[in-house]
Amino acid sequence: MPALKRAYAAVDHLRAIRDYTCTLVKRERVNGELLPSEYIDLKVRHQPFGVHLYFRAPTDKRGREALFVPSENRGRIVAQVPNVGTVTLDPKSRRAMEDNRYPISEVGILNLTRRLVEVGLSELSYGECEAKTFANAKINGRNCTCMQFEHPVPRREFRYHMARIFIDDELNVPIRYEAYTWPSEPGGKPVLVEEYTYLDLKLNQGLNDRDFSAANPEYGFGQRPQDVE
């Protein structure tokens, strides 16, 4: 319950933040395979919601770019793919979800925190969770409080074996989340499922419509994107 109360407070705090920029380091297990870490320049605006991503790494994704504003572009993602060109995709289509656990509509710290609240609420009735808090944790040199949650016994109702949330002490927002499933054999190490780190987070940067427009000359989108299903 103390963790949930803090999460609720974090949601309220994040709602008051207009926008932010950062480098998102994302690592996910998709279809049983742990994919390489992705380094993404990320811009997020909360109202109206908008996301812009530019991929720096790995090499095979470098230069990819994606823009999603639900109220624009017929609610589709506008994406620039090197050697392919500019396309639009349904956010939940097979191509858009390739190598991703979640759709682009759920990108961002506020969406992550909301999801953590939902998971926490769903698990309250089971009472099989060991919660620990660690002060003075460090993420990229920043002081954080780490909250760790562990389910000792696997159950169908639990989405993870162990999860850790790192809350930036100065900014008072989560800047890292990692979740693990149970070891494949007794006494083994927990298996990483997903990991998200928000580096160089800068809040309230005054992002505007231009930052979330495919017509922005600083972006690499073409003039006539093709629909892809």
Protein backbone atom coordinates (compact mmCIF):
# COMPACT_ATOMS: atom_id res chain seq x y z
CA MET A 1 0.00 0.00 0.00
CA PRO A 2 2.77 2.55 0.71
CA ALA A 3 4.17 1.86 -2.75
CA LEU A 4 0.74 2.30 -4.35
CA LYS A 5 0.23 5.60 -2.52
CA ARG A 6 3.55 6.80 -3.86
CA ALA A 7 2.59 5.65 -7.35
CA TYR A 8 -0.69 7.55 -7.18
CA ALA A 9 1.22 10.66 -6.13
CA ALA A 10 3.63 10.13 -9.03
CA VAL A 11 0.72 9.95 -11.51
CA ASP A 12 -0.65 13.25 -10.21
CA HIS A 13 2.81 14.81 -10.39
CA LEU A 14 3.38 13.56 -13.94
CA ARG A 15 0.01 14.85 -15.12
CA ALA A 16 1.16 18.33 -14.13
CA ILE A 17 4.25 17.99 -16.34
CA ARG A 18 3.52 19.34 -19.82
CA ASP A 19 6.27 17.58 -21.77
CA TYR A 20 9.79 16.18 -21.61
CA THR A 21 12.74 15.01 -23.65
CA CYS A 22 15.14 12.19 -22.82
CA THR A 23 17.08 9.23 -24.14
CA LEU A 24 15.05 6.07 -23.70
CA VAL A 25 17.08 2.88 -23.32
CA LYS A 26 14.72 0.00 -23.95
CA ARG A 27 15.35 -3.72 -23.69
CA GLU A 28 12.56 -6.27 -24.09
CA ARG A 29 12.04 -9.98 -24.43
CA VAL A 30 9.76 -10.59 -27.42
CA ASN A 31 8.60 -14.08 -28.45
CA GLY A 32 11.05 -15.56 -25.97
CA GLU A 33 14.09 -13.68 -27.32
CA LEU A 34 15.86 -10.93 -25.37
CA LEU A 35 16.49 -8.25 -27.96
CA PRO A 36 19.46 -5.83 -27.96
CA SER A 37 19.13 -2.54 -26.10
CA GLU A 38 17.62 0.27 -28.15
CA TYR A 39 18.71 3.88 -27.65
CA ILE A 40 15.98 6.30 -28.65
CA ASP A 41 15.80 10.10 -28.60
CA LEU A 42 12.33 10.62 -27.17
CA LYS A 43 9.97 13.60 -27.06
CA VAL A 44 6.66 13.32 -25.22
CA ARG A 45 3.84 15.81 -24.76
CA HIS A 46 0.99 14.91 -22.44
CA GLN A 47 -1.80 17.21 -23.68
CA PRO A 48 -2.60 16.71 -26.46
CA PHE A 49 -0.68 13.47 -26.37
CA GLY A 50 2.18 13.18 -28.83
CA VAL A 51 5.33 11.05 -29.17
CA HIS A 52 8.37 11.43 -31.42
CA LEU A 53 11.12 8.82 -31.51
CA TYR A 54 14.47 8.76 -33.27
CA PHE A 55 16.55 5.57 -33.04
CA ARG A 56 20.30 5.90 -32.39
CA ALA A 57 21.08 2.22 -31.82
CA PRO A 58 21.37 -0.68 -32.51
CA THR A 59 22.98 -0.28 -35.91
CA ASP A 60 20.21 -2.04 -37.82
CA LYS A 61 17.66 0.47 -36.49
CA ARG A 62 19.74 3.62 -36.52
CA GLY A 63 17.99 6.41 -38.37
CA ARG A 64 14.49 5.06 -37.92
CA GLU A 65 11.99 7.69 -36.88
CA ALA A 66 8.40 7.52 -35.68
CA LEU A 67 5.72 10.05 -34.84
CA PHE A 68 2.41 9.35 -33.15
CA VAL A 69 -0.29 11.90 -32.38
CA PRO A 70 -3.69 10.20 -31.92
CA SER A 71 -5.58 13.27 -33.15
CA GLU A 72 -3.46 13.58 -36.33
CA ASN A 73 -2.60 11.42 -39.35
CA ARG A 74 -5.85 9.44 -38.97
CA GLY A 75 -4.54 8.07 -35.70
CA ARG A 76 -1.73 6.23 -37.49
CA ILE A 77 2.00 6.17 -36.85
CA VAL A 78 4.10 8.09 -39.35
CA ALA A 79 7.42 6.26 -39.67
CA GLN A 80 10.60 6.85 -41.61
CA VAL A 81 12.56 3.67 -42.33
CA PRO A 82 15.96 3.91 -44.07
CA ASN A 83 15.97 2.26 -47.51
CA VAL A 84 12.17 2.02 -47.37
CA GLY A 85 10.85 5.55 -47.04
CA THR A 86 7.99 7.12 -45.12
CA VAL A 87 5.01 4.95 -44.25
CA THR A 88 1.99 5.05 -41.96
CA LEU A 89 0.89 2.15 -39.80
CA ASP A 90 -1.89 1.23 -37.44
CA PRO A 91 -0.34 1.44 -33.93
CA LYS A 92 -1.40 -2.12 -33.09
CA SER A 93 -0.68 -3.72 -36.46
CA ARG A 94 1.73 -6.63 -36.78
CA ARG A 95 4.41 -4.46 -38.37
CA ALA A 96 4.09 -1.72 -35.77
CA MET A 97 4.30 -4.25 -32.93
CA GLU A 98 7.29 -6.08 -34.38
CA ASP A 99 10.08 -6.18 -31.75
CA ASN A 100 7.82 -4.41 -29.23
CA ARG A 101 5.91 -5.57 -26.16
CA TYR A 102 3.67 -2.49 -26.10
CA PRO A 103 2.21 -0.17 -28.75
CA ILE A 104 3.59 3.33 -29.26
CA SER A 105 0.43 4.73 -27.66
CA GLU A 106 1.74 3.43 -24.30
CA VAL A 107 5.21 4.99 -24.55
CA GLY A 108 6.33 7.29 -21.76
CA ILE A 109 6.79 7.63 -18.02
CA LEU A 110 3.18 8.55 -17.26
CA ASN A 111 1.86 5.51 -19.12
CA LEU A 112 4.43 3.31 -17.37
CA THR A 113 3.38 4.60 -13.96
CA ARG A 114 -0.31 4.09 -14.73
CA ARG A 115 0.46 0.51 -15.74
CA LEU A 116 2.33 -0.09 -12.48
CA VAL A 117 -0.66 1.17 -10.51
CA GLU A 118 -2.98 -1.20 -12.39
CA VAL A 119 -0.68 -4.17 -11.70
CA GLY A 120 -0.35 -3.23 -8.03
CA LEU A 121 -4.11 -2.94 -7.57
CA SER A 122 -4.74 -6.29 -9.25
CA GLU A 123 -2.30 -8.00 -6.85
CA LEU A 124 -3.53 -6.52 -3.57
CA SER A 125 -5.96 -9.36 -2.92
CA TYR A 126 -3.27 -12.05 -3.08
CA GLY A 127 -0.93 -10.71 -0.41
CA GLU A 128 2.06 -12.69 -1.68
CA CYS A 129 4.51 -9.90 -2.37
CA GLU A 130 7.73 -8.98 -0.60
CA ALA A 131 8.32 -5.23 -0.85
CA LYS A 132 11.66 -3.58 -0.10
CA THR A 133 12.95 -0.02 -0.44
CA PHE A 134 16.58 0.92 -0.98
CA ALA A 135 17.88 4.46 -0.64
CA ASN A 136 20.93 5.92 -2.40
CA ALA A 137 20.58 3.88 -5.58
CA LYS A 138 22.29 5.36 -8.64
CA ILE A 139 21.04 5.56 -12.22
CA ASN A 140 23.45 7.28 -14.59
CA GLY A 141 24.91 9.17 -11.63
CA ARG A 142 21.54 10.39 -10.33
CA ASN A 143 20.37 9.63 -6.80
CA CYS A 144 17.32 7.39 -6.73
CA THR A 145 15.13 5.40 -4.38
CA CYS A 146 14.72 1.82 -5.52
CA MET A 147 11.48 -0.03 -4.74
CA GLN A 148 11.67 -3.80 -5.25
CA PHE A 149 8.72 -6.19 -5.38
CA GLU A 150 9.06 -9.96 -5.44
CA HIS A 151 6.60 -12.85 -5.69
CA PRO A 152 8.30 -15.89 -4.16
CA VAL A 153 5.84 -18.43 -5.64
CA PRO A 154 4.81 -18.45 -9.33
CA ARG A 155 1.09 -18.03 -9.85
CA ARG A 156 -0.99 -17.48 -12.95
CA GLU A 157 -2.22 -14.17 -11.55
CA PHE A 158 1.27 -12.65 -11.24
CA ARG A 159 2.83 -10.92 -14.24
CA TYR A 160 6.38 -10.99 -12.91
CA HIS A 161 8.64 -12.67 -10.35
CA MET A 162 10.56 -9.53 -9.40
CA ALA A 163 10.27 -5.87 -10.40
CA ARG A 164 12.33 -2.83 -9.53
CA ILE A 165 11.34 0.81 -9.88
CA PHE A 166 13.91 3.58 -9.52
CA ILE A 167 12.49 6.98 -8.58
CA ASP A 168 14.67 10.04 -9.18
CA ASP A 169 14.98 11.77 -5.80
CA GLU A 170 15.21 15.26 -7.30
CA LEU A 171 12.62 14.99 -10.09
CA ASN A 172 10.31 12.66 -8.12
CA VAL A 173 9.50 10.55 -11.20
CA PRO A 174 10.41 6.96 -12.13
CA ILE A 175 13.44 6.88 -14.43
CA ARG A 176 14.01 3.14 -14.59
CA TYR A 177 11.85 0.03 -14.47
CA GLU A 178 12.94 -3.57 -14.79
CA ALA A 179 10.90 -6.77 -14.51
CA TYR A 180 11.95 -10.41 -14.33
CA THR A 181 10.16 -13.72 -14.60
CA TRP A 182 11.00 -16.82 -12.59
CA PRO A 183 14.25 -18.75 -13.18
CA SER A 184 14.06 -21.63 -15.62
CA GLU A 185 15.47 -23.95 -12.95
CA PRO A 186 15.50 -23.93 -9.11
CA GLY A 187 18.21 -21.66 -7.74
CA GLY A 188 18.76 -19.96 -11.08
CA LYS A 189 18.82 -16.26 -11.78
CA PRO A 190 15.61 -14.35 -12.53
CA VAL A 191 15.02 -13.89 -16.27
CA LEU A 192 14.82 -10.34 -17.58
CA VAL A 193 11.55 -9.60 -19.38
CA GLU A 194 11.64 -5.83 -19.85
CA GLU A 195 13.79 -2.90 -18.88
CA TYR A 196 13.31 0.83 -19.53
CA THR A 197 15.66 3.64 -18.50
CA TYR A 198 15.02 7.33 -19.09
CA LEU A 199 18.37 9.15 -19.32
CA ASP A 200 19.03 12.90 -19.43
CA LEU A 201 15.41 13.59 -18.58
CA LYS A 202 14.46 17.25 -19.09
CA LEU A 203 10.99 18.32 -18.01
CA ASN A 204 8.76 21.08 -19.39
CA GLN A 205 10.83 21.98 -22.45
CA GLY A 206 8.06 23.95 -24.13
CA LEU A 207 7.45 21.45 -26.91
CA ASN A 208 4.83 22.59 -29.40
CA ASP A 209 2.86 21.35 -32.41
CA ARG A 210 5.94 21.66 -34.63
CA ASP A 211 7.73 19.08 -32.48
CA PHE A 212 4.94 16.62 -33.26
CA SER A 213 4.40 17.38 -36.91
CA ALA A 214 5.55 15.20 -39.80
CA ALA A 215 6.13 18.45 -41.71
CA ASN A 216 8.88 19.55 -39.30
CA PRO A 217 11.93 20.14 -41.57
CA GLU A 218 14.21 18.82 -38.82
CA TYR A 219 12.65 15.39 -39.23
CA GLY A 220 13.19 12.96 -42.09
CA PHE A 221 9.60 12.21 -43.06
CA GLY A 222 8.64 12.32 -46.71
CA GLN A 223 5.81 14.38 -48.15
CA ARG A 224 3.62 11.48 -49.27
CA PRO A 225 3.77 8.58 -46.84
CA GLN A 226 2.38 5.25 -47.98
CA ASP A 227 -0.08 3.29 -45.87
CA VAL A 228 1.24 -0.09 -44.76
CA GLU A 229 -0.95 -2.74 -43.18
